[in-house]
Protein backbone atom coordinates (compact mmCIF):
# COMPACT_ATOMS: atom_id res chain seq x y z
CA MET A 1 -15.93 36.63 30.00
CA LEU A 2 -17.62 33.07 29.04
CA PRO A 3 -18.63 30.73 32.81
CA LYS A 4 -16.29 27.84 33.19
CA GLU A 5 -18.86 25.71 31.89
CA PRO A 6 -18.97 26.85 28.35
CA MET A 7 -15.15 27.40 28.51
CA GLU A 8 -14.14 23.98 29.21
CA LEU A 9 -16.70 22.49 26.61
CA ILE A 10 -14.59 25.02 23.91
CA LYS A 11 -11.23 23.61 24.99
CA THR A 12 -12.32 20.18 24.28
CA GLU A 13 -13.79 20.72 21.62
CA GLN A 14 -11.26 22.40 19.84
CA LEU A 15 -8.53 19.12 21.87
CA ASN A 16 -11.08 17.18 19.69
CA ARG A 17 -10.16 18.77 16.29
CA PHE A 18 -6.42 18.94 17.07
CA ALA A 19 -6.48 14.91 17.75
CA GLY A 20 -8.79 13.95 15.23
CA PHE A 21 -6.12 15.52 12.89
CA GLY A 22 -3.15 14.44 14.81
CA ILE A 23 -4.28 10.43 14.45
CA GLY A 24 -5.40 11.19 10.78
CA LEU A 25 -2.03 12.52 10.28
CA ALA A 26 -0.06 9.83 12.14
CA SER A 27 -2.30 6.97 10.15
CA LEU A 28 -1.55 8.56 6.95
CA PHE A 29 2.86 9.04 7.63
CA THR A 30 2.65 5.24 8.92
CA GLU A 31 1.12 3.93 5.34
CA ASN A 32 2.48 6.45 3.13
CA VAL A 33 6.02 7.36 4.71
CA LEU A 34 7.51 4.80 7.63
CA ALA A 35 6.28 1.75 5.43
CA HIS A 36 7.99 2.76 1.93
CA PRO A 37 11.38 1.01 3.04
CA CYS A 38 9.21 -1.95 3.99
CA ILE A 39 7.36 -1.82 0.44
CA VAL A 40 11.03 -1.38 -0.64
CA LEU A 41 12.22 -4.71 0.42
CA ARG A 42 9.09 -6.50 -0.33
CA ARG A 43 9.37 -5.29 -4.06
CA GLN A 44 13.42 -6.11 -4.31
CA CYS A 45 12.11 -10.20 -2.84
CA GLN A 46 9.08 -10.01 -5.01
CA VAL A 47 11.33 -9.61 -8.03
CA ASN A 48 14.25 -11.61 -7.15
CA TYR A 49 13.38 -14.60 -9.57
CA HIS A 50 17.85 -15.37 -8.36
CA ALA A 51 17.57 -15.07 -4.58
CA ARG A 52 18.39 -18.41 -2.52
CA HIS A 53 17.46 -16.51 1.02
CA TYR A 54 13.61 -15.89 0.74
CA HIS A 55 12.62 -13.75 3.86
CA LEU A 56 10.00 -14.69 5.14
CA THR A 57 10.68 -13.43 8.87
CA PRO A 58 11.18 -10.34 9.56
CA PHE A 59 15.01 -10.58 10.99
CA THR A 60 15.83 -11.57 8.00
CA VAL A 61 14.28 -8.25 6.32
CA ILE A 62 15.61 -5.99 9.55
CA ASN A 63 18.62 -8.02 8.63
CA ILE A 64 19.01 -6.98 4.96
CA MET A 65 17.94 -3.39 5.40
CA TYR A 66 20.32 -3.03 7.55
CA SER A 67 22.86 -4.48 5.41
CA PHE A 68 21.22 -1.79 2.45
CA ASN A 69 21.49 0.80 4.60
CA LYS A 70 24.98 0.45 5.70
CA THR A 71 26.21 -0.15 2.14
CA GLN A 72 24.17 2.63 -0.05
CA GLY A 73 22.94 5.39 2.50
CA PRO A 74 19.43 5.90 3.54
CA ARG A 75 18.29 6.70 0.15
CA ALA A 76 18.27 2.64 -0.83
CA LEU A 77 15.36 1.88 1.67
CA TRP A 78 13.06 5.43 0.68
CA LYS A 79 13.10 5.18 -3.33
CA GLY A 80 10.49 6.06 -5.11
CA MET A 81 8.78 7.39 -2.82
CA GLY A 82 7.37 10.30 -4.76
CA SER A 83 6.61 8.04 -7.57
CA THR A 84 4.46 6.08 -5.28
CA PHE A 85 2.84 8.84 -4.18
CA ILE A 86 2.33 10.51 -7.57
CA VAL A 87 0.63 6.98 -8.84
CA GLN A 88 -1.76 7.58 -5.94
CA GLY A 89 -2.80 11.13 -7.31
CA ILE A 90 -3.39 9.86 -11.29
CA THR A 91 -5.37 7.24 -9.26
CA LEU A 92 -7.76 9.62 -7.75
CA GLY A 93 -7.52 12.15 -10.48
CA ALA A 94 -8.86 9.48 -13.12
CA GLU A 95 -11.28 7.67 -10.93
CA GLY A 96 -12.79 11.28 -10.39
CA ILE A 97 -12.50 12.56 -14.36
CA ILE A 98 -14.32 9.17 -15.42
CA SER A 99 -16.74 9.22 -12.50
CA GLU A 100 -17.10 12.73 -13.70
CA PHE A 101 -18.22 12.28 -17.61
CA THR A 102 -19.94 8.70 -17.06
CA PRO A 103 -22.68 7.37 -15.24
CA LEU A 104 -20.22 4.62 -13.06
CA PRO A 105 -21.29 5.63 -9.07
CA ARG A 106 -18.12 6.52 -7.32
CA GLU A 107 -19.66 5.43 -4.14
CA ILE A 108 -22.04 2.86 -3.53
CA SER A 109 -25.39 3.72 -1.81
CA HIS A 110 -26.94 1.81 0.76
CA LYS A 111 -29.80 0.66 -1.27
CA TRP A 112 -27.18 -1.25 -3.43
CA ASN A 113 -28.09 -3.74 -5.85
CA PRO A 114 -26.11 -5.24 -8.40
CA LYS A 115 -25.75 -3.03 -11.33
CA GLN A 116 -24.61 -0.17 -8.92
CA ILE A 117 -22.10 -2.55 -7.46
CA GLY A 118 -20.94 -3.90 -11.04
CA GLU A 119 -20.83 -0.13 -12.41
CA HIS A 120 -18.72 0.89 -9.45
CA LEU A 121 -15.99 -1.98 -9.84
CA LEU A 122 -15.96 -1.02 -14.05
CA LEU A 123 -14.83 2.29 -12.29
CA LYS A 124 -12.55 0.89 -10.43
CA SER A 125 -11.04 -1.40 -13.18
CA LEU A 126 -10.81 1.48 -16.16
CA THR A 127 -9.03 3.76 -13.40
CA TYR A 128 -6.19 0.96 -12.18
CA ILE A 129 -5.69 0.57 -16.30
CA VAL A 130 -5.54 3.96 -16.51
CA ALA A 131 -3.07 4.31 -13.47
CA MET A 132 -1.38 0.76 -15.37
CA PRO A 133 1.72 2.51 -17.14
CA PHE A 134 2.53 4.82 -14.24
CA TYR A 135 2.29 1.90 -11.42
CA SER A 136 4.25 0.28 -13.97
CA ALA A 137 7.22 3.42 -13.27
CA SER A 138 6.85 3.91 -9.98
CA LEU A 139 7.13 -0.08 -9.33
CA ILE A 140 10.68 0.46 -11.44
CA GLU A 141 12.30 3.95 -9.47
CA THR A 142 11.22 1.58 -6.15
CA VAL A 143 12.98 -2.04 -7.31
CA GLN A 144 16.17 -0.72 -9.00
CA SER A 145 19.21 -0.51 -7.12
CA GLU A 146 20.28 3.36 -5.95
CA ILE A 147 23.92 1.88 -6.62
CA ILE A 148 23.17 2.67 -11.04
CA ARG A 149 20.39 5.21 -10.51
CA ASP A 150 21.16 8.49 -12.03
CA GLY A 151 18.98 10.67 -9.64
CA ALA A 152 15.81 10.82 -11.46
CA GLY A 153 13.77 13.94 -10.85
CA ILE A 154 10.46 13.09 -8.76
CA LEU A 155 8.51 13.58 -12.23
CA GLU A 156 10.68 11.05 -13.87
CA CYS A 157 7.36 8.18 -13.25
CA VAL A 158 5.36 10.74 -15.21
CA LYS A 159 7.61 10.46 -17.90
CA GLU A 160 8.22 6.52 -18.24
CA GLY A 161 4.48 6.12 -18.03
CA ILE A 162 4.13 8.19 -20.59
CA GLY A 163 6.25 6.56 -22.49
CA ARG A 164 5.40 3.31 -21.46
CA ALA A 165 1.78 3.31 -23.20
CA ILE A 166 2.38 5.34 -26.14
CA GLY A 167 5.94 3.33 -26.77
CA LEU A 168 8.00 5.45 -26.49
CA GLY A 169 11.59 7.00 -24.02
CA VAL A 170 13.92 4.23 -22.84
CA PRO A 171 14.51 1.35 -25.38
CA HIS A 172 13.27 -2.10 -23.83
CA SER A 173 14.55 -5.91 -24.43
CA LYS A 174 12.07 -7.99 -26.51
CA ARG A 175 11.27 -10.26 -23.55
CA LEU A 176 8.98 -6.34 -22.42
CA LEU A 177 5.58 -7.35 -22.17
CA PRO A 178 2.81 -5.51 -24.24
CA LEU A 179 0.59 -3.03 -21.85
CA LEU A 180 -2.26 -5.00 -22.82
CA SER A 181 -1.19 -8.11 -21.59
CA LEU A 182 -0.73 -6.77 -18.26
CA VAL A 183 -4.16 -5.38 -18.31
CA PHE A 184 -6.02 -8.78 -16.48
CA PRO A 185 -3.35 -8.88 -13.91
CA THR A 186 -3.37 -5.48 -12.63
CA VAL A 187 -7.09 -4.98 -13.15
CA LEU A 188 -7.64 -8.66 -11.20
CA HIS A 189 -5.06 -7.34 -8.28
CA GLY A 190 -6.62 -3.95 -7.95
CA VAL A 191 -10.56 -5.19 -8.04
CA LEU A 192 -9.91 -8.07 -5.25
CA HIS A 193 -8.00 -5.56 -3.22
CA TYR A 194 -10.37 -3.39 -3.07
CA VAL A 195 -13.27 -5.61 -2.73
CA ILE A 196 -11.11 -7.40 -0.20
CA SER A 197 -10.58 -4.35 2.19
CA SER A 198 -14.22 -2.93 1.64
CA VAL A 199 -15.88 -5.65 3.15
CA VAL A 200 -12.69 -6.70 5.84
CA GLN A 201 -13.16 -2.88 6.38
CA LYS A 202 -17.55 -2.65 6.73
CA VAL A 203 -17.53 -6.46 8.98
CA VAL A 204 -14.38 -4.57 11.42
CA LEU A 205 -15.88 -1.60 11.87
CA LEU A 206 -19.50 -2.97 12.45
CA ILE A 207 -17.83 -5.55 15.03
CA LEU A 208 -16.41 -2.69 16.63
CA LYS A 209 -18.70 -0.12 17.12
CA ARG A 210 -21.36 -2.83 18.32
CA LYS A 211 -18.85 -3.96 20.99
CA ALA A 212 -18.67 0.00 21.69
CA TYR A 213 -22.12 0.46 21.96
CA ASP A 214 -22.58 -2.53 24.19
CA GLY A 215 -19.44 -1.46 27.20
CA HIS A 216 -21.32 1.84 27.00
CA LEU A 217 -25.25 0.46 27.83
CA ALA A 218 -22.93 -2.11 30.63
CA GLU A 219 -21.11 0.91 31.99
CA GLY A 220 -21.95 4.27 30.74
CA ALA A 221 -19.40 5.66 29.12
CA SER A 222 -16.81 8.38 30.05
CA PRO A 223 -15.76 11.01 28.90
CA VAL A 224 -12.26 9.52 27.44
CA GLN A 225 -14.02 6.09 26.16
CA SER A 226 -16.58 7.96 24.53
CA MET A 227 -14.02 9.88 22.31
CA LEU A 228 -11.47 6.96 21.85
CA ASP A 229 -14.33 5.84 19.77
CA ALA A 230 -15.22 8.40 17.78
CA TYR A 231 -12.02 7.96 15.83
CA PHE A 232 -9.70 4.32 16.25
CA PRO A 233 -12.76 1.77 15.20
CA GLU A 234 -12.70 3.41 11.61
CA LEU A 235 -8.30 3.65 11.84
CA ILE A 236 -8.53 -0.12 13.46
CA ALA A 237 -11.17 -1.33 10.91
CA ASN A 238 -8.07 0.19 8.03
CA PHE A 239 -5.76 -1.45 9.44
CA ALA A 240 -7.28 -4.83 9.58
CA ALA A 241 -8.80 -4.18 5.74
CA SER A 242 -5.14 -3.48 4.46
CA LEU A 243 -3.87 -6.45 6.27
CA CYS A 244 -5.76 -8.91 5.12
CA SER A 245 -5.90 -7.61 1.63
CA ASP A 246 -2.08 -7.67 1.31
CA VAL A 247 -1.58 -10.50 2.84
CA THR A 248 -4.66 -12.98 0.67
CA LEU A 249 -2.88 -11.33 -2.44
CA TYR A 250 0.64 -11.72 -1.73
CA PRO A 251 1.40 -13.96 -4.31
CA LEU A 252 -0.36 -12.43 -7.42
CA GLU A 253 1.49 -9.61 -6.78
CA THR A 254 4.60 -11.43 -6.75
CA VAL A 255 3.44 -13.16 -10.37
CA LEU A 256 2.40 -8.68 -10.87
CA HIS A 257 4.80 -7.32 -10.16
CA ARG A 258 7.45 -9.89 -12.00
CA LEU A 259 5.64 -8.90 -14.78
CA HIS A 260 5.88 -5.49 -15.19
CA VAL A 261 9.44 -5.75 -14.34
CA GLN A 262 10.24 -7.83 -17.32
CA GLY A 263 11.94 -6.61 -20.26
CA THR A 264 13.20 -3.04 -18.93
CA ARG A 265 16.50 -3.57 -18.23
CA THR A 266 15.89 -2.67 -14.59
CA ILE A 267 19.05 -4.02 -12.21
CA ILE A 268 18.44 -4.52 -8.54
CA ASP A 269 19.80 -5.23 -4.97
CA ASN A 270 21.56 -8.90 -3.93
CA THR A 271 18.40 -9.37 -1.16
CA ASP A 272 20.93 -12.57 -0.30
CA LEU A 273 23.85 -10.96 0.43
CA GLY A 274 23.38 -7.09 0.94
CA TYR A 275 25.63 -5.47 -1.60
CA GLU A 276 26.12 -6.17 -5.54
CA VAL A 277 23.20 -6.29 -8.19
CA LEU A 278 21.88 -8.36 -10.06
CA PRO A 279 19.96 -7.86 -13.72
CA ILE A 280 16.48 -9.02 -14.27
CA ASN A 281 16.11 -11.46 -17.07
CA THR A 282 12.94 -13.40 -16.75
CA GLN A 283 11.37 -14.71 -19.91
CA TYR A 284 7.45 -14.94 -18.91
CA GLU A 285 4.86 -15.41 -21.23
CA GLY A 286 2.07 -14.24 -19.37
CA VAL A 287 -0.03 -14.29 -15.84
CA ARG A 288 0.01 -18.72 -16.73
CA ASP A 289 3.61 -19.31 -17.41
CA CYS A 290 4.72 -16.78 -14.70
CA VAL A 291 3.34 -19.25 -12.09
CA ASN A 292 3.50 -22.34 -13.78
CA THR A 293 7.56 -21.35 -12.96
CA ILE A 294 7.75 -20.04 -10.25
CA ARG A 295 6.18 -23.23 -8.56
CA GLN A 296 8.36 -25.31 -10.61
CA GLU A 297 11.79 -23.18 -10.35
CA GLU A 298 11.57 -21.73 -6.80
CA GLY A 299 8.21 -24.13 -5.04
CA ALA A 300 5.28 -22.60 -3.24
CA LEU A 301 7.21 -20.41 -0.32
CA GLY A 302 8.47 -18.70 -4.16
CA PHE A 303 5.14 -16.36 -4.25
CA TYR A 304 5.71 -15.15 -0.46
CA LYS A 305 9.23 -14.26 -1.19
CA GLY A 306 9.72 -11.47 1.16
CA PHE A 307 6.66 -11.62 3.25
CA GLY A 308 8.51 -11.13 6.21
CA ALA A 309 8.37 -7.11 5.24
CA VAL A 310 5.22 -7.46 5.69
CA VAL A 311 5.05 -9.04 8.89
CA VAL A 312 7.64 -5.83 10.23
CA GLN A 313 5.30 -2.78 8.00
CA TYR A 314 1.84 -4.07 9.68
CA THR A 315 3.97 -4.70 13.09
CA LEU A 316 5.04 -0.85 12.74
CA HIS A 317 1.63 0.44 11.78
CA ALA A 318 0.07 -1.22 14.99
CA ALA A 319 2.85 0.22 17.36
CA VAL A 320 2.15 3.74 15.81
CA LEU A 321 -2.02 3.46 16.44
CA GLN A 322 -0.71 2.00 20.23
CA ILE A 323 0.97 4.96 20.62
CA THR A 324 -0.92 7.47 19.27
CA LYS A 325 -4.06 5.67 21.67
CA ILE A 326 -1.92 6.34 24.70
CA ILE A 327 -0.97 10.16 24.13
CA TYR A 328 -4.32 10.40 22.66
CA SER A 329 -6.09 9.36 26.46
CA THR A 330 -3.16 10.82 27.72
CA LEU A 331 -3.80 14.36 27.00
CA LEU A 332 -7.69 13.88 26.78
CA GLN A 333 -7.67 12.67 30.88
CA ASN A 334 -5.00 16.12 31.62
CA SER A 335 -8.36 18.48 30.13
CA ALA A 336 -10.56 16.78 32.31
């Protein structure tokens, strides 16, 4: 029979492993599942050039979400979720394969230099290009109105992506922009998002760890606080990184999504009324024309249509992080 102290140590270690898994799972669930309705509505607002209501605040966003749920059912806010996971998988797979067969590094070492950073960003750029047709197909799935959807399978995104890449599949209109013209805005958005996220994450993590270290020196760390400091700084840093990059690049994302959807014969929900559908009939010639047209016809706030959904998304994420922290603290205190 084990002495009391080793038994308690084993129990604490098991709780730590379980808690670490649970915290990570809660964060992944929030980022990829709970946030999906916000992503759906945000994208629909971004591509809806007809809209008179811009939904810049969370209050109007929640109201329109309720309307869609009432008229079309819950599926209206969860459409395209499977395809977003497929795009993430394709992106990770493409990055792994390209780095395996080229000298481009997947990670930047501590002794980095400008050449290594350039090669790493080139790898990211190539990855975004490979995933681009599938991202486009996934985007269409998330904005297409549930009223006219034909119950496409989960792999429809792959089929449509391949079709878009080789020029086959569902016939599109003459306003469809060729993939080559979408490479620059797609890569620009992806690389900037990655760079901003990485910088913010490292800065926030450094600040939080230094703060935790100073607190331990001043007061002495309790076992509960030490365990919290082992998991939560990274989660908070990831949260801050995603928030900063999404907010900073929101106007560019609006332009990118409009260019991807143009000419695909996509029918979206009316985000002014919460019912009825609207066609996408834009005729942008490229990035510059899209930017100028939005500025002239919709004003500067036209680039921020649906921004209230971002507020809702990150408020939910912050709430889940806080609830998870409270539950974890309680479990640790009870086991102490």
